[in-house]
């Protein structure tokens, strides 16, 4: 927003990023993270994506209600598959 350039360490300190990796660690970490995400049930991933997209156009209260309804729905699906 300010067009100011920050180092990775500064961005981490300011909370702009969650983690900083050495160059040779970056892609293995990305791959590991992607594998963790992909290990979750497709219905849960789809629901999470819908919630993320919906959050752009909704207020906090509505977002929380959507999250609660979605979690209930996912739990019902999970219970029926068990």
N, C-alpha and C. Protein backbone atom coordinates (compact mmCIF):
# COMPACT_ATOMS: atom_id res chain seq x y z
N UNK A 1 0.81 -1.19 0.00
CA UNK A 1 0.00 0.00 0.00
C UNK A 1 0.85 1.25 0.00
N UNK A 2 2.02 1.16 0.59
CA UNK A 2 2.89 2.33 0.64
C UNK A 2 4.00 2.24 -0.40
N UNK A 3 4.07 1.11 -1.10
CA UNK A 3 5.12 0.79 -2.07
C UNK A 3 6.50 0.68 -1.41
N UNK A 4 6.49 0.59 -0.08
CA UNK A 4 7.74 0.40 0.65
C UNK A 4 8.15 -1.07 0.56
N UNK A 5 9.43 -1.33 0.40
CA UNK A 5 9.95 -2.69 0.30
C UNK A 5 10.48 -3.11 1.67
N UNK A 6 10.09 -4.31 2.10
CA UNK A 6 10.53 -4.86 3.38
C UNK A 6 11.31 -6.13 3.17
N UNK A 7 12.24 -6.38 4.06
CA UNK A 7 12.95 -7.66 4.02
C UNK A 7 12.01 -8.74 4.57
N UNK A 8 12.36 -9.98 4.35
CA UNK A 8 11.55 -11.08 4.87
C UNK A 8 11.46 -11.01 6.39
N UNK A 9 12.55 -10.71 7.04
CA UNK A 9 12.56 -10.62 8.50
C UNK A 9 11.65 -9.50 8.99
N UNK A 10 11.67 -8.35 8.29
CA UNK A 10 10.80 -7.24 8.67
C UNK A 10 9.32 -7.61 8.47
N UNK A 11 9.02 -8.27 7.35
CA UNK A 11 7.64 -8.69 7.08
C UNK A 11 7.16 -9.67 8.14
N UNK A 12 8.03 -10.54 8.58
CA UNK A 12 7.69 -11.49 9.64
C UNK A 12 7.42 -10.75 10.94
N UNK A 13 8.28 -9.84 11.28
CA UNK A 13 8.15 -9.06 12.51
C UNK A 13 6.85 -8.24 12.52
N UNK A 14 6.46 -7.71 11.38
CA UNK A 14 5.25 -6.89 11.29
C UNK A 14 3.98 -7.73 11.19
N UNK A 15 4.15 -9.06 11.03
CA UNK A 15 2.97 -9.91 10.92
C UNK A 15 2.39 -9.98 9.52
N UNK A 16 3.14 -9.52 8.53
CA UNK A 16 2.66 -9.58 7.15
C UNK A 16 2.74 -10.99 6.59
N UNK A 17 3.65 -11.79 7.14
CA UNK A 17 3.81 -13.19 6.76
C UNK A 17 3.87 -14.03 8.03
N UNK A 18 3.54 -15.30 7.90
CA UNK A 18 3.56 -16.20 9.06
C UNK A 18 4.89 -16.91 9.24
N UNK A 19 5.57 -17.13 8.14
CA UNK A 19 6.83 -17.88 8.20
C UNK A 19 7.80 -17.34 7.14
N UNK A 20 9.07 -17.54 7.41
CA UNK A 20 10.11 -17.19 6.44
C UNK A 20 11.04 -18.39 6.35
N UNK A 21 11.37 -18.80 5.13
CA UNK A 21 12.24 -19.95 4.91
C UNK A 21 13.45 -19.55 4.10
N UNK A 22 14.52 -20.31 4.29
CA UNK A 22 15.69 -20.15 3.41
C UNK A 22 15.27 -20.59 2.01
N UNK A 23 15.95 -20.09 1.01
CA UNK A 23 15.58 -20.37 -0.38
C UNK A 23 15.51 -21.88 -0.66
N UNK A 24 16.48 -22.63 -0.15
CA UNK A 24 16.51 -24.07 -0.42
C UNK A 24 15.44 -24.84 0.37
N UNK A 25 14.81 -24.21 1.34
CA UNK A 25 13.76 -24.86 2.14
C UNK A 25 12.35 -24.52 1.63
N UNK A 26 12.24 -23.48 0.81
CA UNK A 26 10.94 -22.96 0.44
C UNK A 26 10.05 -23.99 -0.26
N UNK A 27 10.48 -24.55 -1.38
CA UNK A 27 9.63 -25.47 -2.14
C UNK A 27 9.32 -26.75 -1.38
N UNK A 28 10.28 -27.34 -0.65
CA UNK A 28 9.90 -28.50 0.17
C UNK A 28 8.83 -28.16 1.21
N UNK A 29 8.90 -26.98 1.79
CA UNK A 29 7.89 -26.55 2.76
C UNK A 29 6.54 -26.33 2.09
N UNK A 30 6.54 -25.73 0.90
CA UNK A 30 5.30 -25.52 0.15
C UNK A 30 4.66 -26.87 -0.17
N UNK A 31 5.48 -27.81 -0.62
CA UNK A 31 4.99 -29.14 -0.97
C UNK A 31 4.39 -29.84 0.25
N UNK A 32 5.08 -29.76 1.38
CA UNK A 32 4.60 -30.38 2.61
C UNK A 32 3.27 -29.77 3.04
N UNK A 33 3.16 -28.46 2.95
CA UNK A 33 1.93 -27.76 3.32
C UNK A 33 0.78 -28.18 2.39
N UNK A 34 1.06 -28.24 1.10
CA UNK A 34 0.03 -28.64 0.13
C UNK A 34 -0.43 -30.07 0.39
N UNK A 35 0.50 -30.95 0.73
CA UNK A 35 0.13 -32.34 1.03
C UNK A 35 -0.77 -32.41 2.27
N UNK A 36 -0.48 -31.58 3.28
CA UNK A 36 -1.32 -31.56 4.49
C UNK A 36 -2.73 -31.09 4.14
N UNK A 37 -2.83 -30.07 3.32
CA UNK A 37 -4.14 -29.58 2.92
C UNK A 37 -4.88 -30.66 2.12
N UNK A 38 -4.19 -31.27 1.17
CA UNK A 38 -4.82 -32.27 0.30
C UNK A 38 -5.23 -33.53 1.05
N UNK A 39 -4.69 -33.75 2.25
CA UNK A 39 -5.04 -34.95 3.01
C UNK A 39 -6.41 -34.84 3.67
N UNK A 40 -7.01 -33.67 3.67
CA UNK A 40 -8.32 -33.47 4.29
C UNK A 40 -9.42 -33.91 3.33
N UNK A 41 -10.58 -34.25 3.86
CA UNK A 41 -11.70 -34.68 3.00
C UNK A 41 -12.08 -33.59 2.00
N UNK A 42 -12.37 -33.99 0.76
CA UNK A 42 -12.74 -33.00 -0.27
C UNK A 42 -13.92 -32.12 0.13
N UNK A 43 -14.90 -32.68 0.82
CA UNK A 43 -16.07 -31.86 1.21
C UNK A 43 -15.65 -30.75 2.17
N UNK A 44 -14.74 -31.05 3.07
CA UNK A 44 -14.26 -30.04 4.02
C UNK A 44 -13.46 -28.96 3.30
N UNK A 45 -12.63 -29.35 2.35
CA UNK A 45 -11.84 -28.37 1.59
C UNK A 45 -12.75 -27.47 0.77
N UNK A 46 -13.75 -28.07 0.14
CA UNK A 46 -14.69 -27.30 -0.66
C UNK A 46 -15.46 -26.31 0.22
N UNK A 47 -15.89 -26.77 1.39
CA UNK A 47 -16.61 -25.89 2.31
C UNK A 47 -15.72 -24.74 2.78
N UNK A 48 -14.47 -25.05 3.08
CA UNK A 48 -13.54 -24.00 3.52
C UNK A 48 -13.34 -22.96 2.43
N UNK A 49 -13.21 -23.41 1.20
CA UNK A 49 -13.04 -22.48 0.09
C UNK A 49 -14.28 -21.59 -0.08
N UNK A 50 -15.47 -22.20 0.04
CA UNK A 50 -16.69 -21.40 -0.05
C UNK A 50 -16.75 -20.36 1.05
N UNK A 51 -16.35 -20.73 2.27
CA UNK A 51 -16.37 -19.78 3.38
C UNK A 51 -15.38 -18.64 3.16
N UNK A 52 -14.20 -18.97 2.67
CA UNK A 52 -13.20 -17.94 2.39
C UNK A 52 -13.73 -16.96 1.35
N UNK A 53 -14.30 -17.50 0.28
CA UNK A 53 -14.84 -16.63 -0.77
C UNK A 53 -16.01 -15.79 -0.25
N UNK A 54 -16.88 -16.39 0.55
CA UNK A 54 -18.03 -15.66 1.09
C UNK A 54 -17.60 -14.56 2.04
N UNK A 55 -16.46 -14.75 2.70
CA UNK A 55 -16.03 -13.76 3.70
C UNK A 55 -15.71 -12.41 3.07
N UNK A 56 -15.46 -12.39 1.78
CA UNK A 56 -15.16 -11.13 1.11
C UNK A 56 -16.38 -10.22 1.03
N UNK A 57 -17.58 -10.83 1.03
CA UNK A 57 -18.79 -10.06 0.80
C UNK A 57 -19.77 -10.09 1.96
N UNK A 58 -19.29 -10.39 3.16
CA UNK A 58 -20.20 -10.50 4.28
C UNK A 58 -19.60 -9.86 5.53
N UNK A 59 -20.47 -9.56 6.48
CA UNK A 59 -20.00 -9.00 7.75
C UNK A 59 -19.59 -10.14 8.68
N UNK A 60 -18.97 -9.79 9.79
CA UNK A 60 -18.43 -10.79 10.72
C UNK A 60 -19.53 -11.69 11.27
N UNK A 61 -20.64 -11.10 11.68
CA UNK A 61 -21.73 -11.90 12.27
C UNK A 61 -22.24 -12.94 11.27
N UNK A 62 -22.50 -12.52 10.05
CA UNK A 62 -22.99 -13.44 9.03
C UNK A 62 -21.94 -14.51 8.72
N UNK A 63 -20.69 -14.09 8.66
CA UNK A 63 -19.61 -15.04 8.43
C UNK A 63 -19.53 -16.10 9.51
N UNK A 64 -19.69 -15.70 10.75
CA UNK A 64 -19.67 -16.66 11.86
C UNK A 64 -20.85 -17.62 11.78
N UNK A 65 -22.02 -17.11 11.41
CA UNK A 65 -23.19 -17.97 11.24
C UNK A 65 -22.97 -18.97 10.11
N UNK A 66 -22.42 -18.51 9.00
CA UNK A 66 -22.12 -19.41 7.88
C UNK A 66 -21.12 -20.48 8.30
N UNK A 67 -20.11 -20.08 9.07
CA UNK A 67 -19.11 -21.03 9.53
C UNK A 67 -19.74 -22.09 10.43
N UNK A 68 -20.62 -21.67 11.32
CA UNK A 68 -21.28 -22.62 12.23
C UNK A 68 -22.14 -23.60 11.43
N UNK A 69 -22.93 -23.09 10.49
CA UNK A 69 -23.78 -23.95 9.67
C UNK A 69 -22.95 -24.93 8.84
N UNK A 70 -21.86 -24.44 8.29
CA UNK A 70 -21.00 -25.29 7.48
C UNK A 70 -20.35 -26.38 8.33
N UNK A 71 -19.86 -26.01 9.51
CA UNK A 71 -19.24 -27.00 10.40
C UNK A 71 -20.25 -28.08 10.78
N UNK A 72 -21.48 -27.68 11.06
CA UNK A 72 -22.52 -28.65 11.40
C UNK A 72 -22.76 -29.58 10.22
N UNK A 73 -22.85 -29.02 9.03
CA UNK A 73 -23.08 -29.82 7.83
C UNK A 73 -21.92 -30.80 7.60
N UNK A 74 -20.70 -30.34 7.73
CA UNK A 74 -19.53 -31.20 7.52
C UNK A 74 -19.51 -32.30 8.57
N UNK A 75 -19.83 -31.99 9.80
CA UNK A 75 -19.86 -33.00 10.86
C UNK A 75 -20.92 -34.06 10.57
N UNK A 76 -22.08 -33.65 10.04
CA UNK A 76 -23.13 -34.61 9.70
C UNK A 76 -22.65 -35.53 8.59
N UNK A 77 -21.97 -34.96 7.59
CA UNK A 77 -21.44 -35.77 6.49
C UNK A 77 -20.40 -36.75 7.05
N UNK A 78 -19.47 -36.25 7.88
CA UNK A 78 -18.43 -37.11 8.46
C UNK A 78 -19.02 -38.24 9.28
N UNK A 79 -20.05 -37.93 10.07
CA UNK A 79 -20.69 -38.96 10.90
C UNK A 79 -21.37 -40.01 10.05
N UNK A 80 -21.96 -39.60 8.93
CA UNK A 80 -22.66 -40.56 8.08
C UNK A 80 -21.69 -41.47 7.33
N UNK A 81 -20.46 -41.02 7.14
CA UNK A 81 -19.45 -41.83 6.47
C UNK A 81 -18.72 -42.77 7.41
N UNK A 82 -18.80 -42.51 8.70
CA UNK A 82 -18.08 -43.31 9.69
C UNK A 82 -18.74 -44.64 9.94
